[in-house]
Amino acid sequence: MSFFKKVLGKLMSSGQSESNSPEESKYFPEKELPVDEEFTVKFKHNGGRFLYCSDVNDLEETFISILEENDWFEKEAICFEKGLHHYLTDNKIPFNNPANPQFMLCSCESLIAKDGSILFSSIQFSQNKPADLPYHFVVLAKTSQITRSKSDGLRKIKYRYGSDIPSNITTLQNFRDCKSDDFLQYGSVPKSLYLLLLEDM
């Protein structure tokens, strides 16, 4: 069953069970959401834009739609991952030593369900801090990258890279503009972020 159908089915069934058994939600502890559903809900709550892609062709078409929506054709971008450069060259997006990049294209290490954040490393960011990167992000990820917690994400990094663990490990969580008086977001770096999530399970 695809990620999208699975999440949609769970959301619908959870809504039906709430309406059918109000006493259960009152007196019983809240059930832990499945990891994929929890990430989707919390990521969107954080202001992220979630775009499900059933296959690679769907992902490429969705990426082109984002370029059209933002008028990014032939504008500069940043991308440190050679495996993603074809998305830019195919659409005439310059990315070598950009003077004024409009967006960043990257993958990620993990998608964290617990808080709806995204885990990155030097593989995606090189040695740049989030504040040094463009405001707009387009992130390509797979459904298998969803993990419950940051510690799970860090374990995946250790397993994936072995002794050659990347540096500059960081998360982004705030995907909407902060109000100046919102002290809870003090010190965070807001980003406008599209997540293109490719089905691989």
N, C-alpha and C. Protein backbone atom coordinates (compact mmCIF):
# COMPACT_ATOMS: atom_id res chain seq x y z
N MET A 1 0.85 -1.20 0.00
CA MET A 1 0.00 0.00 0.00
C MET A 1 0.89 1.25 0.00
N SER A 2 0.56 2.26 -0.83
CA SER A 2 1.40 3.45 -0.91
C SER A 2 1.28 4.29 0.35
N PHE A 3 2.31 5.12 0.56
CA PHE A 3 2.35 6.02 1.71
C PHE A 3 1.12 6.91 1.74
N PHE A 4 0.77 7.50 0.60
CA PHE A 4 -0.35 8.43 0.54
C PHE A 4 -1.66 7.75 0.93
N LYS A 5 -1.92 6.57 0.34
CA LYS A 5 -3.16 5.85 0.65
C LYS A 5 -3.19 5.43 2.11
N LYS A 6 -2.01 5.03 2.62
CA LYS A 6 -1.92 4.58 4.01
C LYS A 6 -2.27 5.71 4.96
N VAL A 7 -1.65 6.88 4.74
CA VAL A 7 -1.90 8.03 5.61
C VAL A 7 -3.33 8.50 5.49
N LEU A 8 -3.84 8.59 4.26
CA LEU A 8 -5.22 9.04 4.05
C LEU A 8 -6.19 8.09 4.73
N GLY A 9 -5.95 6.79 4.60
CA GLY A 9 -6.83 5.81 5.22
C GLY A 9 -6.82 5.92 6.73
N LYS A 10 -5.64 6.15 7.31
CA LYS A 10 -5.53 6.26 8.76
C LYS A 10 -6.23 7.52 9.27
N LEU A 11 -6.09 8.62 8.53
CA LEU A 11 -6.74 9.86 8.94
C LEU A 11 -8.26 9.70 8.92
N MET A 12 -8.77 9.02 7.89
CA MET A 12 -10.22 8.83 7.78
C MET A 12 -10.72 7.90 8.88
N SER A 13 -9.99 6.79 9.12
CA SER A 13 -10.46 5.84 10.13
C SER A 13 -10.35 6.43 11.51
N SER A 14 -9.31 7.27 11.74
CA SER A 14 -9.18 7.89 13.06
C SER A 14 -10.32 8.87 13.31
N GLY A 15 -10.77 9.57 12.24
CA GLY A 15 -11.89 10.49 12.39
C GLY A 15 -13.17 9.75 12.70
N GLN A 16 -13.37 8.59 12.06
CA GLN A 16 -14.57 7.80 12.32
C GLN A 16 -14.57 7.25 13.73
N SER A 17 -13.40 6.76 14.20
CA SER A 17 -13.36 6.17 15.54
C SER A 17 -13.59 7.22 16.61
N GLU A 18 -13.14 8.46 16.36
CA GLU A 18 -13.37 9.53 17.33
C GLU A 18 -14.84 9.83 17.45
N SER A 19 -15.54 9.86 16.30
CA SER A 19 -16.96 10.19 16.34
C SER A 19 -17.78 9.05 16.92
N ASN A 20 -17.30 7.79 16.75
CA ASN A 20 -18.06 6.65 17.23
C ASN A 20 -17.85 6.36 18.70
N SER A 21 -16.69 6.74 19.25
CA SER A 21 -16.42 6.42 20.65
C SER A 21 -15.83 7.62 21.38
N PRO A 22 -16.67 8.62 21.69
CA PRO A 22 -16.18 9.83 22.35
C PRO A 22 -15.59 9.54 23.72
N GLU A 23 -16.11 8.50 24.41
CA GLU A 23 -15.61 8.21 25.75
C GLU A 23 -14.15 7.80 25.72
N GLU A 24 -13.76 7.10 24.64
CA GLU A 24 -12.39 6.61 24.56
C GLU A 24 -11.39 7.76 24.53
N SER A 25 -11.70 8.81 23.76
CA SER A 25 -10.78 9.93 23.67
C SER A 25 -10.74 10.73 24.97
N LYS A 26 -11.80 10.63 25.78
CA LYS A 26 -11.86 11.37 27.04
C LYS A 26 -11.01 10.73 28.12
N TYR A 27 -11.13 9.44 28.28
CA TYR A 27 -10.60 8.78 29.47
C TYR A 27 -9.38 7.89 29.24
N PHE A 28 -9.06 7.62 27.98
CA PHE A 28 -7.91 6.78 27.70
C PHE A 28 -6.74 7.64 27.23
N PRO A 29 -5.50 7.21 27.49
CA PRO A 29 -4.36 7.98 27.01
C PRO A 29 -4.34 8.05 25.49
N GLU A 30 -3.83 9.16 24.97
CA GLU A 30 -3.80 9.36 23.53
C GLU A 30 -2.87 8.33 22.88
N LYS A 31 -3.36 7.69 21.82
CA LYS A 31 -2.56 6.68 21.13
C LYS A 31 -1.46 7.36 20.31
N GLU A 32 -0.30 6.70 20.26
CA GLU A 32 0.81 7.22 19.46
C GLU A 32 0.49 7.02 17.99
N LEU A 33 0.63 8.10 17.20
CA LEU A 33 0.35 8.02 15.77
C LEU A 33 1.41 7.18 15.07
N PRO A 34 1.04 6.50 13.99
CA PRO A 34 2.06 5.85 13.15
C PRO A 34 3.06 6.90 12.68
N VAL A 35 4.31 6.48 12.52
CA VAL A 35 5.40 7.43 12.28
C VAL A 35 5.18 8.27 11.02
N ASP A 36 4.66 7.68 9.94
CA ASP A 36 4.46 8.45 8.71
C ASP A 36 3.36 9.49 8.86
N GLU A 37 2.30 9.11 9.53
CA GLU A 37 1.19 10.05 9.76
C GLU A 37 1.63 11.18 10.68
N GLU A 38 2.37 10.85 11.74
CA GLU A 38 2.82 11.87 12.68
C GLU A 38 3.72 12.89 12.00
N PHE A 39 4.64 12.43 11.15
CA PHE A 39 5.51 13.37 10.44
C PHE A 39 4.70 14.30 9.55
N THR A 40 3.78 13.74 8.77
CA THR A 40 2.98 14.54 7.85
C THR A 40 2.22 15.64 8.58
N VAL A 41 1.57 15.29 9.67
CA VAL A 41 0.77 16.26 10.44
C VAL A 41 1.66 17.35 11.03
N LYS A 42 2.77 16.97 11.65
CA LYS A 42 3.61 17.95 12.34
C LYS A 42 4.42 18.80 11.37
N PHE A 43 4.86 18.22 10.26
CA PHE A 43 5.58 18.99 9.25
C PHE A 43 4.69 20.08 8.67
N LYS A 44 3.46 19.74 8.35
CA LYS A 44 2.53 20.74 7.81
C LYS A 44 2.17 21.78 8.86
N HIS A 45 2.06 21.35 10.13
CA HIS A 45 1.80 22.30 11.21
C HIS A 45 2.94 23.31 11.34
N ASN A 46 4.16 22.88 11.05
CA ASN A 46 5.33 23.77 11.12
C ASN A 46 5.39 24.73 9.94
N GLY A 47 4.48 24.58 8.98
CA GLY A 47 4.46 25.49 7.84
C GLY A 47 5.07 24.93 6.57
N GLY A 48 5.52 23.66 6.62
CA GLY A 48 6.12 23.05 5.44
C GLY A 48 5.09 22.70 4.38
N ARG A 49 5.52 22.70 3.13
CA ARG A 49 4.65 22.33 2.01
C ARG A 49 5.02 20.92 1.55
N PHE A 50 4.07 20.03 1.71
CA PHE A 50 4.28 18.60 1.49
C PHE A 50 3.71 18.19 0.15
N LEU A 51 4.54 17.58 -0.71
CA LEU A 51 4.10 17.16 -2.03
C LEU A 51 4.49 15.70 -2.24
N TYR A 52 3.49 14.82 -2.23
CA TYR A 52 3.73 13.38 -2.39
C TYR A 52 3.95 13.05 -3.87
N CYS A 53 4.97 12.23 -4.15
CA CYS A 53 5.29 11.83 -5.53
C CYS A 53 5.31 10.31 -5.61
N SER A 54 4.49 9.74 -6.48
CA SER A 54 4.36 8.28 -6.56
C SER A 54 5.53 7.62 -7.26
N ASP A 55 6.22 8.36 -8.15
CA ASP A 55 7.39 7.81 -8.85
C ASP A 55 8.29 8.96 -9.29
N VAL A 56 9.41 8.61 -9.95
CA VAL A 56 10.39 9.63 -10.34
C VAL A 56 9.81 10.60 -11.36
N ASN A 57 9.01 10.12 -12.29
CA ASN A 57 8.39 11.02 -13.28
C ASN A 57 7.49 12.04 -12.60
N ASP A 58 6.73 11.57 -11.62
CA ASP A 58 5.86 12.46 -10.85
C ASP A 58 6.68 13.50 -10.11
N LEU A 59 7.82 13.08 -9.56
CA LEU A 59 8.69 14.01 -8.84
C LEU A 59 9.24 15.08 -9.78
N GLU A 60 9.68 14.68 -10.97
CA GLU A 60 10.23 15.64 -11.93
C GLU A 60 9.17 16.64 -12.37
N GLU A 61 7.95 16.17 -12.59
CA GLU A 61 6.86 17.07 -12.98
C GLU A 61 6.51 18.04 -11.85
N THR A 62 6.54 17.54 -10.62
CA THR A 62 6.25 18.39 -9.47
C THR A 62 7.32 19.46 -9.30
N PHE A 63 8.57 19.09 -9.51
CA PHE A 63 9.67 20.05 -9.43
C PHE A 63 9.50 21.16 -10.47
N ILE A 64 9.14 20.79 -11.69
CA ILE A 64 8.90 21.78 -12.74
C ILE A 64 7.75 22.71 -12.36
N SER A 65 6.71 22.16 -11.75
CA SER A 65 5.57 22.98 -11.31
C SER A 65 6.01 24.02 -10.27
N ILE A 66 6.92 23.62 -9.38
CA ILE A 66 7.44 24.56 -8.37
C ILE A 66 8.23 25.67 -9.04
N LEU A 67 9.05 25.32 -10.04
CA LEU A 67 9.80 26.34 -10.78
C LEU A 67 8.85 27.32 -11.46
N GLU A 68 7.78 26.81 -12.05
CA GLU A 68 6.81 27.67 -12.72
C GLU A 68 6.09 28.56 -11.73
N GLU A 69 5.67 27.98 -10.61
CA GLU A 69 4.93 28.73 -9.60
C GLU A 69 5.74 29.91 -9.06
N ASN A 70 7.05 29.73 -8.93
CA ASN A 70 7.90 30.76 -8.34
C ASN A 70 8.71 31.57 -9.35
N ASP A 71 8.50 31.28 -10.65
CA ASP A 71 9.24 31.96 -11.71
C ASP A 71 10.75 31.81 -11.51
N TRP A 72 11.19 30.57 -11.31
CA TRP A 72 12.61 30.29 -11.06
C TRP A 72 13.36 29.78 -12.28
N PHE A 73 12.70 29.66 -13.43
CA PHE A 73 13.41 29.22 -14.62
C PHE A 73 14.51 30.22 -14.97
N GLU A 74 15.71 29.68 -15.22
CA GLU A 74 16.90 30.47 -15.59
C GLU A 74 17.37 31.38 -14.47
N LYS A 75 16.81 31.21 -13.25
CA LYS A 75 17.34 31.91 -12.08
C LYS A 75 18.38 31.00 -11.42
N GLU A 76 19.24 31.57 -10.60
CA GLU A 76 20.32 30.79 -9.98
C GLU A 76 19.81 29.99 -8.77
N ALA A 77 20.49 28.89 -8.51
CA ALA A 77 20.19 28.05 -7.35
C ALA A 77 21.49 27.55 -6.74
N ILE A 78 21.37 26.95 -5.54
CA ILE A 78 22.50 26.28 -4.88
C ILE A 78 22.18 24.80 -4.78
N CYS A 79 23.17 23.97 -5.09
CA CYS A 79 23.04 22.52 -4.90
C CYS A 79 24.44 21.93 -4.78
N PHE A 80 24.72 21.29 -3.65
CA PHE A 80 26.04 20.72 -3.40
C PHE A 80 26.12 19.22 -3.73
N GLU A 81 25.02 18.64 -4.22
CA GLU A 81 24.97 17.19 -4.45
C GLU A 81 24.94 16.89 -5.95
N LYS A 82 26.00 16.26 -6.44
CA LYS A 82 26.13 15.99 -7.87
C LYS A 82 24.96 15.15 -8.40
N GLY A 83 24.45 14.26 -7.57
CA GLY A 83 23.36 13.41 -8.00
C GLY A 83 22.06 14.15 -8.29
N LEU A 84 21.97 15.41 -7.84
CA LEU A 84 20.76 16.21 -8.07
C LEU A 84 20.95 17.28 -9.15
N HIS A 85 22.18 17.44 -9.64
CA HIS A 85 22.47 18.53 -10.58
C HIS A 85 21.64 18.44 -11.86
N HIS A 86 21.27 17.22 -12.27
CA HIS A 86 20.51 17.09 -13.53
C HIS A 86 19.14 17.76 -13.44
N TYR A 87 18.55 17.84 -12.24
CA TYR A 87 17.27 18.54 -12.11
C TYR A 87 17.43 20.02 -12.48
N LEU A 88 18.60 20.57 -12.23
CA LEU A 88 18.86 21.98 -12.52
C LEU A 88 19.29 22.18 -13.97
N THR A 89 20.23 21.36 -14.45
CA THR A 89 20.70 21.52 -15.83
C THR A 89 19.57 21.26 -16.83
N ASP A 90 18.72 20.29 -16.54
CA ASP A 90 17.59 19.99 -17.44
C ASP A 90 16.64 21.17 -17.57
N ASN A 91 16.62 22.03 -16.57
CA ASN A 91 15.69 23.18 -16.56
C ASN A 91 16.41 24.52 -16.65
N LYS A 92 17.68 24.47 -17.10
CA LYS A 92 18.47 25.69 -17.35
C LYS A 92 18.58 26.57 -16.11
N ILE A 93 18.85 25.92 -14.97
CA ILE A 93 19.04 26.64 -13.71
C ILE A 93 20.53 26.67 -13.40
N PRO A 94 21.20 27.83 -13.49
CA PRO A 94 22.63 27.90 -13.17
C PRO A 94 22.87 27.65 -11.67
N PHE A 95 23.94 26.91 -11.35
CA PHE A 95 24.22 26.64 -9.94
C PHE A 95 25.71 26.67 -9.60
N ASN A 96 26.57 26.93 -10.58
CA ASN A 96 28.01 27.02 -10.31
C ASN A 96 28.37 28.43 -9.85
N ASN A 97 28.83 28.54 -8.61
CA ASN A 97 29.21 29.84 -8.02
C ASN A 97 28.13 30.91 -8.22
N PRO A 98 26.91 30.64 -7.77
CA PRO A 98 25.82 31.61 -7.98
C PRO A 98 26.03 32.88 -7.17
N ALA A 99 25.73 34.02 -7.79
CA ALA A 99 25.86 35.31 -7.10
C ALA A 99 24.59 35.64 -6.33
N ASN A 100 23.44 35.20 -6.86
CA ASN A 100 22.16 35.53 -6.22
C ASN A 100 21.20 34.34 -6.32
N PRO A 101 21.48 33.25 -5.61
CA PRO A 101 20.63 32.06 -5.71
C PRO A 101 19.24 32.30 -5.15
N GLN A 102 18.23 31.85 -5.88
CA GLN A 102 16.84 32.03 -5.46
C GLN A 102 16.36 30.91 -4.54
N PHE A 103 16.96 29.73 -4.68
CA PHE A 103 16.53 28.60 -3.84
C PHE A 103 17.66 27.59 -3.72
N MET A 104 17.50 26.68 -2.77
CA MET A 104 18.44 25.58 -2.60
C MET A 104 17.73 24.27 -2.91
N LEU A 105 18.38 23.43 -3.70
CA LEU A 105 17.89 22.08 -3.99
C LEU A 105 18.77 21.09 -3.26
N CYS A 106 18.17 20.20 -2.48
CA CYS A 106 18.97 19.23 -1.72
C CYS A 106 18.15 18.01 -1.36
N SER A 107 18.86 16.99 -0.89
CA SER A 107 18.21 15.84 -0.26
C SER A 107 18.21 16.09 1.24
N CYS A 108 18.09 15.06 2.04
CA CYS A 108 18.19 15.19 3.50
C CYS A 108 18.65 13.86 4.07
N GLU A 109 18.94 13.85 5.36
CA GLU A 109 19.35 12.62 6.03
C GLU A 109 18.13 11.85 6.55
N SER A 110 17.22 12.55 7.21
CA SER A 110 16.03 11.91 7.77
C SER A 110 14.90 12.93 7.92
N LEU A 111 13.69 12.42 8.00
CA LEU A 111 12.50 13.21 8.31
C LEU A 111 12.05 12.79 9.71
N ILE A 112 11.98 13.74 10.63
CA ILE A 112 11.76 13.42 12.04
C ILE A 112 10.29 13.60 12.40
N ALA A 113 9.62 12.49 12.72
CA ALA A 113 8.18 12.52 12.99
C ALA A 113 7.83 13.26 14.28
N LYS A 114 8.67 13.12 15.29
CA LYS A 114 8.33 13.64 16.62
C LYS A 114 8.04 15.14 16.62
N ASP A 115 8.80 15.90 15.81
CA ASP A 115 8.58 17.35 15.78
C ASP A 115 8.40 17.91 14.37
N GLY A 116 8.31 17.05 13.36
CA GLY A 116 8.10 17.52 11.99
C GLY A 116 9.29 18.23 11.40
N SER A 117 10.48 17.94 11.91
CA SER A 117 11.69 18.59 11.42
C SER A 117 12.39 17.74 10.36
N ILE A 118 13.42 18.31 9.73
CA ILE A 118 14.20 17.61 8.72
C ILE A 118 15.67 17.67 9.12
N LEU A 119 16.33 16.52 9.08
CA LEU A 119 17.73 16.40 9.50
C LEU A 119 18.65 16.48 8.28
N PHE A 120 19.66 17.35 8.37
CA PHE A 120 20.62 17.56 7.29
C PHE A 120 22.04 17.36 7.81
N SER A 121 22.99 17.31 6.88
CA SER A 121 24.41 17.23 7.25
C SER A 121 25.23 17.98 6.20
N SER A 122 26.55 17.85 6.31
CA SER A 122 27.44 18.49 5.34
C SER A 122 27.26 17.92 3.93
N ILE A 123 26.66 16.75 3.81
CA ILE A 123 26.36 16.19 2.48
C ILE A 123 25.45 17.15 1.72
N GLN A 124 24.48 17.73 2.42
CA GLN A 124 23.54 18.66 1.79
C GLN A 124 24.00 20.12 1.90
N PHE A 125 24.53 20.51 3.06
CA PHE A 125 24.82 21.92 3.34
C PHE A 125 26.28 22.30 3.14
N SER A 126 27.15 21.31 2.85
CA SER A 126 28.59 21.55 2.89
C SER A 126 28.92 22.07 4.29
N GLN A 127 29.64 23.17 4.40
CA GLN A 127 29.95 23.71 5.73
C GLN A 127 29.15 24.98 6.04
N ASN A 128 28.08 25.20 5.31
CA ASN A 128 27.27 26.41 5.50
C ASN A 128 26.29 26.26 6.66
N LYS A 129 26.08 27.35 7.37
CA LYS A 129 25.03 27.41 8.37
C LYS A 129 23.70 27.69 7.66
N PRO A 130 22.57 27.26 8.25
CA PRO A 130 21.27 27.53 7.62
C PRO A 130 21.07 29.01 7.27
N ALA A 131 21.54 29.91 8.13
CA ALA A 131 21.35 31.34 7.90
C ALA A 131 22.10 31.82 6.65
N ASP A 132 23.12 31.07 6.22
CA ASP A 132 23.91 31.46 5.05
C ASP A 132 23.31 30.94 3.74
N LEU A 133 22.27 30.15 3.83
CA LEU A 133 21.66 29.54 2.65
C LEU A 133 20.39 30.29 2.25
N PRO A 134 19.90 30.10 1.02
CA PRO A 134 18.71 30.83 0.57
C PRO A 134 17.49 30.58 1.45
N TYR A 135 16.56 31.51 1.39
CA TYR A 135 15.32 31.39 2.17
C TYR A 135 14.45 30.24 1.65
N HIS A 136 14.46 30.03 0.34
CA HIS A 136 13.62 29.00 -0.27
C HIS A 136 14.40 27.69 -0.42
N PHE A 137 13.77 26.59 -0.01
CA PHE A 137 14.35 25.26 -0.12
C PHE A 137 13.42 24.34 -0.91
N VAL A 138 14.01 23.48 -1.73
CA VAL A 138 13.28 22.36 -2.32
C VAL A 138 14.03 21.10 -1.90
N VAL A 139 13.39 20.27 -1.09
CA VAL A 139 14.03 19.08 -0.52
C VAL A 139 13.41 17.83 -1.14
N LEU A 140 14.28 16.95 -1.65
CA LEU A 140 13.84 15.67 -2.20
C LEU A 140 14.12 14.58 -1.18
N ALA A 141 13.10 13.81 -0.82
CA ALA A 141 13.27 12.76 0.18
C ALA A 141 12.45 11.54 -0.20
N LYS A 142 12.67 10.44 0.53
CA LYS A 142 11.94 9.19 0.29
C LYS A 142 11.17 8.80 1.55
N THR A 143 10.09 8.07 1.35
CA THR A 143 9.27 7.68 2.49
C THR A 143 10.05 6.83 3.50
N SER A 144 11.05 6.09 3.04
CA SER A 144 11.86 5.25 3.95
C SER A 144 12.74 6.07 4.87
N GLN A 145 12.85 7.38 4.63
CA GLN A 145 13.69 8.24 5.47
C GLN A 145 12.94 8.79 6.69
N ILE A 146 11.66 8.48 6.83
CA ILE A 146 10.91 8.95 8.00
C ILE A 146 11.31 8.14 9.22
N THR A 147 11.70 8.83 10.29
CA THR A 147 12.07 8.18 11.55
C THR A 147 11.27 8.81 12.69
N ARG A 148 11.20 8.10 13.81
CA ARG A 148 10.40 8.60 14.93
C ARG A 148 11.05 9.81 15.60
N SER A 149 12.36 9.75 15.87
CA SER A 149 13.02 10.79 16.67
C SER A 149 14.36 11.18 16.05
N LYS A 150 14.95 12.26 16.59
CA LYS A 150 16.26 12.70 16.12
C LYS A 150 17.32 11.65 16.42
N SER A 151 17.22 10.99 17.56
CA SER A 151 18.20 9.95 17.89
C SER A 151 18.13 8.81 16.88
N ASP A 152 16.92 8.48 16.40
CA ASP A 152 16.78 7.47 15.34
C ASP A 152 17.46 7.95 14.06
N GLY A 153 17.28 9.23 13.75
CA GLY A 153 17.91 9.80 12.57
C GLY A 153 19.42 9.77 12.65
N LEU A 154 19.96 10.07 13.83
CA LEU A 154 21.41 10.03 14.03
C LEU A 154 21.95 8.61 13.90
N ARG A 155 21.19 7.65 14.40
CA ARG A 155 21.60 6.25 14.25
C ARG A 155 21.64 5.84 12.78
N LYS A 156 20.68 6.35 12.00
CA LYS A 156 20.67 6.06 10.57
C LYS A 156 21.91 6.64 9.89
N ILE A 157 22.30 7.85 10.30
CA ILE A 157 23.51 8.46 9.74
C ILE A 157 24.73 7.58 10.04
N LYS A 158 24.84 7.13 11.28
CA LYS A 158 25.97 6.28 11.68
C LYS A 158 25.98 4.98 10.87
N TYR A 159 24.81 4.40 10.69
CA TYR A 159 24.71 3.14 9.92
C TYR A 159 25.04 3.38 8.44
N ARG A 160 24.57 4.49 7.89
CA ARG A 160 24.74 4.78 6.47
C ARG A 160 26.19 5.08 6.11
N TYR A 161 26.88 5.85 6.97
CA TYR A 161 28.22 6.33 6.62
C TYR A 161 29.35 5.61 7.35
N GLY A 162 29.02 4.78 8.33
CA GLY A 162 30.06 4.05 9.06
C GLY A 162 31.00 4.99 9.79
N SER A 163 32.30 4.81 9.58
CA SER A 163 33.29 5.65 10.27
C SER A 163 33.45 7.02 9.61
N ASP A 164 32.90 7.18 8.40
CA ASP A 164 33.03 8.45 7.67
C ASP A 164 31.78 9.31 7.87
N ILE A 165 31.46 9.60 9.13
CA ILE A 165 30.24 10.35 9.46
C ILE A 165 30.38 11.80 9.02
N PRO A 166 29.39 12.35 8.31
CA PRO A 166 29.48 13.75 7.87
C PRO A 166 29.40 14.71 9.04
N SER A 167 29.89 15.92 8.81
CA SER A 167 29.84 16.97 9.83
C SER A 167 28.62 17.86 9.60
N ASN A 168 28.56 18.95 10.35
CA ASN A 168 27.52 19.97 10.17
C ASN A 168 26.10 19.39 10.22
N ILE A 169 25.88 18.48 11.17
CA ILE A 169 24.55 17.86 11.32
C ILE A 169 23.61 18.85 12.01
N THR A 170 22.50 19.12 11.38
CA THR A 170 21.56 20.13 11.90
C THR A 170 20.14 19.79 11.46
N THR A 171 19.17 20.41 12.11
CA THR A 171 17.78 20.23 11.69
C THR A 171 17.15 21.58 11.36
N LEU A 172 16.18 21.54 10.48
CA LEU A 172 15.30 22.68 10.21
C LEU A 172 13.90 22.28 10.62
N GLN A 173 13.22 23.19 11.30
CA GLN A 173 11.87 22.88 11.80
C GLN A 173 10.87 24.00 11.55
N ASN A 174 11.36 25.23 11.42
CA ASN A 174 10.47 26.38 11.28
C ASN A 174 10.34 26.75 9.81
N PHE A 175 9.18 26.47 9.22
CA PHE A 175 8.98 26.70 7.79
C PHE A 175 7.97 27.80 7.51
N ARG A 176 7.84 28.71 8.46
CA ARG A 176 6.96 29.86 8.25
C ARG A 176 7.63 31.09 8.85
N ASP A 177 7.21 32.26 8.39
CA ASP A 177 7.75 33.51 8.92
C ASP A 177 7.39 33.66 10.38
N CYS A 178 8.35 34.09 11.20
CA CYS A 178 8.10 34.31 12.62
C CYS A 178 7.63 35.74 12.86
N LYS A 179 6.71 35.89 13.79
CA LYS A 179 6.36 37.22 14.26
C LYS A 179 7.50 37.71 15.15
N SER A 180 7.74 38.99 15.14
CA SER A 180 8.87 39.55 15.88
C SER A 180 8.76 39.31 17.37
N ASP A 181 7.54 39.11 17.90
CA ASP A 181 7.37 38.93 19.34
C ASP A 181 7.22 37.45 19.73
N ASP A 182 7.49 36.53 18.79
CA ASP A 182 7.36 35.11 19.09
C ASP A 182 8.65 34.60 19.70
N PHE A 183 8.76 34.70 21.04
CA PHE A 183 10.00 34.33 21.72
C PHE A 183 10.29 32.84 21.62
N LEU A 184 9.28 32.00 21.38
CA LEU A 184 9.50 30.56 21.28
C LEU A 184 10.35 30.22 20.06
N GLN A 185 10.34 31.09 19.05
CA GLN A 185 11.11 30.85 17.83
C GLN A 185 12.40 31.67 17.81
N TYR A 186 12.75 32.27 18.94
CA TYR A 186 13.96 33.11 18.98
C TYR A 186 15.19 32.27 18.63
N GLY A 187 16.01 32.77 17.72
CA GLY A 187 17.23 32.08 17.35
C GLY A 187 17.06 31.06 16.23
N SER A 188 15.82 30.73 15.86
CA SER A 188 15.61 29.77 14.78
C SER A 188 15.70 30.50 13.43
N VAL A 189 15.97 29.73 12.39
CA VAL A 189 16.11 30.31 11.05
C VAL A 189 14.93 29.82 10.20
N PRO A 190 13.94 30.68 9.96
CA PRO A 190 12.79 30.23 9.17
C PRO A 190 13.16 30.03 7.70
N LYS A 191 12.59 29.00 7.10
CA LYS A 191 12.79 28.74 5.68
C LYS A 191 11.45 28.41 5.04
N SER A 192 11.29 28.87 3.80
CA SER A 192 10.14 28.46 3.00
C SER A 192 10.54 27.16 2.32
N LEU A 193 9.86 26.06 2.66
CA LEU A 193 10.38 24.75 2.24
C LEU A 193 9.31 23.89 1.57
N TYR A 194 9.66 23.39 0.38
CA TYR A 194 8.87 22.37 -0.31
C TYR A 194 9.52 21.02 -0.05
N LEU A 195 8.75 20.05 0.37
CA LEU A 195 9.24 18.68 0.53
C LEU A 195 8.59 17.80 -0.53
N LEU A 196 9.40 17.29 -1.46
CA LEU A 196 8.91 16.35 -2.47
C LEU A 196 9.24 14.95 -1.96
N LEU A 197 8.21 14.23 -1.54
CA LEU A 197 8.39 12.94 -0.89
C LEU A 197 8.09 11.81 -1.88
N LEU A 198 9.14 11.06 -2.23
CA LEU A 198 9.04 10.00 -3.22
C LEU A 198 8.72 8.66 -2.56
N GLU A 199 7.70 8.00 -3.05
CA GLU A 199 7.32 6.68 -2.53
C GLU A 199 8.40 5.65 -2.87
N ASP A 200 8.95 4.98 -1.86
CA ASP A 200 9.93 3.92 -2.12
C ASP A 200 9.70 2.71 -1.22
N MET A 201 8.48 2.59 -0.66
CA MET A 201 8.20 1.47 0.24
C MET A 201 7.01 0.66 -0.29
